Every structure is written in C-alpha cells, then in structure tokens.
C-alpha cells in the first residue's frame, strides 16, 4: 500500500512538471486552428484573445491532467443575432463549426469547424507519447 502512495506521488510530481508545457501546447493548437485560420470580416472587430487566455490545466486526485478552456459568464461572447450570452456554447461552436439561417453573411454565420482539440491532442502526444490523451466533449 505504501508503495502505491509513493508511486502516485511520483506521478503527481511528473504531471506537475509538465502541466505548463501541456497548457502551452493547447495554446499553440488554438493559435494555429482558430486565430491563424481566419481574419475577422468586421473591420471594427478587435480580438480579445479571451479563448486563448482561458486555457487551464488541473491535476485531479486520480493522477489525471484535465486541460480545458475556462470560458465563463462575463466573457465577451454574445450572439450577433439576438445579443444572448454564448459563453457556454463557444467551445462547441468553434470545434464543431456553426451555421445558422439568419440570412446574415460573413464568418459568424458560416463558420467552419476549427479542430483545435484534435490538434492539441496531436501536439501533446508528440511531446509526451507516454500520456494517454483523450478528448472529452
């Protein structure tokens, strides 16, 4: 039993030592798959980088790193159609794409999928092949 505790401590120390790098890899994926993938069509629009700057990593007691984007209420994601807050939907809209029938043109209403989770998984697996990377949506 004591050996299990020591082994878990070693795992936790290892995960803590790579946590920052894993966050960086997720940010690289977001940069390449989202921010570098298109230029906003509205000349008045200024990117806030809220999505990129909301990347978090958490190590749970079972010895897993959970990597996620922590978008919460108060972020600047609102529907351009009806003004409703979209912070709960933004990750799904980005990863899966988004189309609606409002009749408006432009990137916001015909938005191709940006597979940042798959790219992050690829980058993390390349740097850390010993990890079992899983995407949970």
C-alpha atoms as a PDB file:
ATOM      1  CA  UNK A   1       0.000   0.000   0.000  1.00  0.00           C
ATOM      2  CA  UNK A   2       2.816   2.404   0.868  1.00  0.00           C
ATOM      3  CA  UNK A   3       4.481   1.706  -2.465  1.00  0.00           C
ATOM      4  CA  UNK A   4       1.254   2.721  -4.221  1.00  0.00           C
ATOM      5  CA  UNK A   5       1.299   6.050  -2.384  1.00  0.00           C
ATOM      6  CA  UNK A   6       4.930   6.652  -3.321  1.00  0.00           C
ATOM      7  CA  UNK A   7       4.231   5.753  -6.935  1.00  0.00           C
ATOM      8  CA  UNK A   8       1.260   8.144  -7.022  1.00  0.00           C
ATOM      9  CA  UNK A   9       3.450  10.896  -5.566  1.00  0.00           C
ATOM     10  CA  UNK A  10       5.958  10.326  -8.376  1.00  0.00           C
ATOM     11  CA  UNK A  11       3.173  10.508 -10.959  1.00  0.00           C
ATOM     12  CA  UNK A  12       1.807  13.702  -9.407  1.00  0.00           C
ATOM     13  CA  UNK A  13       5.268  15.315  -9.434  1.00  0.00           C
ATOM     14  CA  UNK A  14       5.738  14.354 -13.071  1.00  0.00           C
ATOM     15  CA  UNK A  15       2.328  15.725 -14.065  1.00  0.00           C
ATOM     16  CA  UNK A  16       3.018  18.943 -12.185  1.00  0.00           C
ATOM     17  CA  UNK A  17       6.335  19.275 -14.013  1.00  0.00           C
ATOM     18  CA  UNK A  18       4.689  19.005 -17.462  1.00  0.00           C
ATOM     19  CA  UNK A  19       1.473  20.925 -16.739  1.00  0.00           C
ATOM     20  CA  UNK A  20       2.743  24.268 -18.049  1.00  0.00           C
ATOM     21  CA  UNK A  21       4.072  22.696 -21.244  1.00  0.00           C
ATOM     22  CA  UNK A  22       0.749  20.936 -21.861  1.00  0.00           C
ATOM     23  CA  UNK A  23      -1.054  24.284 -21.474  1.00  0.00           C
ATOM     24  CA  UNK A  24       1.394  25.838 -23.963  1.00  0.00           C
ATOM     25  CA  UNK A  25       0.676  23.074 -26.475  1.00  0.00           C
ATOM     26  CA  UNK A  26      -3.071  23.653 -26.134  1.00  0.00           C
ATOM     27  CA  UNK A  27      -2.492  27.361 -26.749  1.00  0.00           C
ATOM     28  CA  UNK A  28      -0.388  26.540 -29.833  1.00  0.00           C
ATOM     29  CA  UNK A  29      -3.286  24.464 -31.151  1.00  0.00           C
ATOM     30  CA  UNK A  30      -5.759  27.282 -30.501  1.00  0.00           C
ATOM     31  CA  UNK A  31      -3.469  29.803 -32.204  1.00  0.00           C
ATOM     32  CA  UNK A  32      -3.000  27.667 -35.328  1.00  0.00           C
ATOM     33  CA  UNK A  33      -6.506  26.250 -35.664  1.00  0.00           C
ATOM     34  CA  UNK A  34      -8.549  29.292 -34.611  1.00  0.00           C
ATOM     35  CA  UNK A  35      -6.707  32.597 -34.607  1.00  0.00           C
ATOM     36  CA  UNK A  36      -4.393  31.920 -37.567  1.00  0.00           C
ATOM     37  CA  UNK A  37      -7.148  30.165 -39.555  1.00  0.00           C
ATOM     38  CA  UNK A  38      -9.111  33.296 -40.466  1.00  0.00           C
ATOM     39  CA  UNK A  39      -9.216  37.055 -40.251  1.00  0.00           C
ATOM     40  CA  UNK A  40     -12.426  38.580 -38.860  1.00  0.00           C
ATOM     41  CA  UNK A  41     -14.568  40.168 -41.591  1.00  0.00           C
ATOM     42  CA  UNK A  42     -15.731  43.099 -39.447  1.00  0.00           C
ATOM     43  CA  UNK A  43     -13.068  45.812 -39.671  1.00  0.00           C
ATOM     44  CA  UNK A  44     -14.188  47.232 -36.322  1.00  0.00           C
ATOM     45  CA  UNK A  45     -13.783  43.905 -34.528  1.00  0.00           C
ATOM     46  CA  UNK A  46     -10.830  43.627 -32.178  1.00  0.00           C
ATOM     47  CA  UNK A  47      -9.842  40.183 -30.961  1.00  0.00           C
ATOM     48  CA  UNK A  48      -9.790  39.845 -27.186  1.00  0.00           C
ATOM     49  CA  UNK A  49      -7.937  36.500 -27.086  1.00  0.00           C
ATOM     50  CA  UNK A  50     -10.249  35.523 -24.236  1.00  0.00           C
ATOM     51  CA  UNK A  51     -10.498  31.942 -25.504  1.00  0.00           C
ATOM     52  CA  UNK A  52      -6.717  31.582 -25.802  1.00  0.00           C
ATOM     53  CA  UNK A  53      -6.070  33.175 -22.425  1.00  0.00           C
ATOM     54  CA  UNK A  54      -8.614  30.924 -20.697  1.00  0.00           C
ATOM     55  CA  UNK A  55      -6.656  27.665 -21.093  1.00  0.00           C
ATOM     56  CA  UNK A  56      -6.320  25.875 -17.765  1.00  0.00           C
ATOM     57  CA  UNK A  57      -4.847  22.592 -16.574  1.00  0.00           C
ATOM     58  CA  UNK A  58      -5.934  20.802 -13.423  1.00  0.00           C
ATOM     59  CA  UNK A  59      -4.462  17.650 -11.883  1.00  0.00           C
ATOM     60  CA  UNK A  60      -7.092  15.593 -10.111  1.00  0.00           C
ATOM     61  CA  UNK A  61      -6.507  13.205  -7.163  1.00  0.00           C
ATOM     62  CA  UNK A  62      -6.587  10.203  -9.518  1.00  0.00           C
ATOM     63  CA  UNK A  63      -3.498  11.497 -11.305  1.00  0.00           C
ATOM     64  CA  UNK A  64      -5.016  12.895 -14.492  1.00  0.00           C
ATOM     65  CA  UNK A  65      -4.386  16.238 -16.113  1.00  0.00           C
ATOM     66  CA  UNK A  66      -7.588  17.901 -17.263  1.00  0.00           C
ATOM     67  CA  UNK A  67      -6.883  20.535 -19.869  1.00  0.00           C
ATOM     68  CA  UNK A  68      -9.745  22.858 -20.730  1.00  0.00           C
ATOM     69  CA  UNK A  69     -10.803  26.336 -21.759  1.00  0.00           C
ATOM     70  CA  UNK A  70     -12.431  28.063 -18.807  1.00  0.00           C
ATOM     71  CA  UNK A  71     -14.869  30.437 -20.502  1.00  0.00           C
ATOM     72  CA  UNK A  72     -17.308  31.856 -18.015  1.00  0.00           C
ATOM     73  CA  UNK A  73     -20.073  34.382 -17.692  1.00  0.00           C
ATOM     74  CA  UNK A  74     -18.790  37.861 -18.277  1.00  0.00           C
ATOM     75  CA  UNK A  75     -16.660  36.830 -21.220  1.00  0.00           C
ATOM     76  CA  UNK A  76     -17.269  38.740 -24.419  1.00  0.00           C
ATOM     77  CA  UNK A  77     -19.099  36.036 -26.360  1.00  0.00           C
ATOM     78  CA  UNK A  78     -22.573  37.230 -27.345  1.00  0.00           C
ATOM     79  CA  UNK A  79     -24.813  36.341 -30.259  1.00  0.00           C
ATOM     80  CA  UNK A  80     -24.679  38.953 -33.010  1.00  0.00           C
ATOM     81  CA  UNK A  81     -28.238  37.911 -33.900  1.00  0.00           C
ATOM     82  CA  UNK A  82     -30.059  38.380 -30.584  1.00  0.00           C
ATOM     83  CA  UNK A  83     -27.381  39.521 -28.108  1.00  0.00           C
ATOM     84  CA  UNK A  84     -27.739  36.450 -25.912  1.00  0.00           C
ATOM     85  CA  UNK A  85     -24.658  35.265 -23.989  1.00  0.00           C
ATOM     86  CA  UNK A  86     -22.880  32.403 -25.754  1.00  0.00           C
ATOM     87  CA  UNK A  87     -20.035  31.638 -23.342  1.00  0.00           C
ATOM     88  CA  UNK A  88     -21.421  28.133 -22.705  1.00  0.00           C
ATOM     89  CA  UNK A  89     -21.602  27.373 -26.439  1.00  0.00           C
ATOM     90  CA  UNK A  90     -18.421  28.958 -27.750  1.00  0.00           C
ATOM     91  CA  UNK A  91     -16.219  25.851 -27.461  1.00  0.00           C
ATOM     92  CA  UNK A  92     -18.777  23.734 -29.335  1.00  0.00           C
ATOM     93  CA  UNK A  93     -19.269  26.422 -31.994  1.00  0.00           C
ATOM     94  CA  UNK A  94     -15.536  26.654 -32.593  1.00  0.00           C
ATOM     95  CA  UNK A  95     -14.745  22.929 -32.571  1.00  0.00           C
ATOM     96  CA  UNK A  96     -17.824  21.801 -34.488  1.00  0.00           C
ATOM     97  CA  UNK A  97     -18.446  24.788 -36.704  1.00  0.00           C
ATOM     98  CA  UNK A  98     -21.564  26.881 -36.767  1.00  0.00           C
ATOM     99  CA  UNK A  99     -24.156  27.715 -39.365  1.00  0.00           C
ATOM    100  CA  UNK A 100     -27.438  29.471 -38.913  1.00  0.00           C
ATOM    101  CA  UNK A 101     -30.271  30.661 -41.109  1.00  0.00           C
ATOM    102  CA  UNK A 102     -30.362  34.325 -40.127  1.00  0.00           C
ATOM    103  CA  UNK A 103     -29.602  35.457 -43.653  1.00  0.00           C
ATOM    104  CA  UNK A 104     -26.568  37.402 -42.482  1.00  0.00           C
ATOM    105  CA  UNK A 105     -23.363  36.746 -44.363  1.00  0.00           C
ATOM    106  CA  UNK A 106     -19.860  36.574 -43.055  1.00  0.00           C
ATOM    107  CA  UNK A 107     -17.744  34.356 -40.870  1.00  0.00           C
ATOM    108  CA  UNK A 108     -20.014  34.389 -37.805  1.00  0.00           C
ATOM    109  CA  UNK A 109     -22.874  32.655 -39.591  1.00  0.00           C
ATOM    110  CA  UNK A 110     -20.965  30.246 -41.779  1.00  0.00           C
ATOM    111  CA  UNK A 111     -18.141  29.156 -39.524  1.00  0.00           C
ATOM    112  CA  UNK A 112     -16.138  26.080 -40.468  1.00  0.00           C
ATOM    113  CA  UNK A 113     -15.033  23.677 -37.725  1.00  0.00           C
ATOM    114  CA  UNK A 114     -11.723  24.576 -36.098  1.00  0.00           C
ATOM    115  CA  UNK A 115     -10.385  21.272 -34.799  1.00  0.00           C
ATOM    116  CA  UNK A 116      -8.253  22.705 -32.026  1.00  0.00           C
ATOM    117  CA  UNK A 117      -8.864  19.766 -29.671  1.00  0.00           C
ATOM    118  CA  UNK A 118      -7.588  17.276 -32.222  1.00  0.00           C
ATOM    119  CA  UNK A 119      -4.564  19.494 -32.916  1.00  0.00           C
ATOM    120  CA  UNK A 120      -3.843  19.834 -29.188  1.00  0.00           C
ATOM    121  CA  UNK A 121      -4.073  16.056 -28.797  1.00  0.00           C
ATOM    122  CA  UNK A 122      -1.626  15.607 -31.669  1.00  0.00           C
ATOM    123  CA  UNK A 123       0.876  18.114 -30.230  1.00  0.00           C
ATOM    124  CA  UNK A 124       0.673  16.720 -26.694  1.00  0.00           C
ATOM    125  CA  UNK A 125       1.053  13.121 -27.896  1.00  0.00           C
ATOM    126  CA  UNK A 126       4.085  14.126 -29.952  1.00  0.00           C
ATOM    127  CA  UNK A 127       5.798  15.759 -26.944  1.00  0.00           C
ATOM    128  CA  UNK A 128       4.600  13.217 -24.384  1.00  0.00           C
ATOM    129  CA  UNK A 129       3.981   9.832 -26.079  1.00  0.00           C
ATOM    130  CA  UNK A 130       3.715   8.175 -22.651  1.00  0.00           C
ATOM    131  CA  UNK A 131       0.453  10.032 -21.942  1.00  0.00           C
ATOM    132  CA  UNK A 132      -2.952   8.608 -22.779  1.00  0.00           C
ATOM    133  CA  UNK A 133      -4.569  11.684 -24.337  1.00  0.00           C
ATOM    134  CA  UNK A 134      -8.354  11.618 -24.610  1.00  0.00           C
ATOM    135  CA  UNK A 135     -10.700  14.274 -25.907  1.00  0.00           C
ATOM    136  CA  UNK A 136     -13.831  14.665 -23.797  1.00  0.00           C
ATOM    137  CA  UNK A 137     -16.507  16.896 -25.292  1.00  0.00           C
END
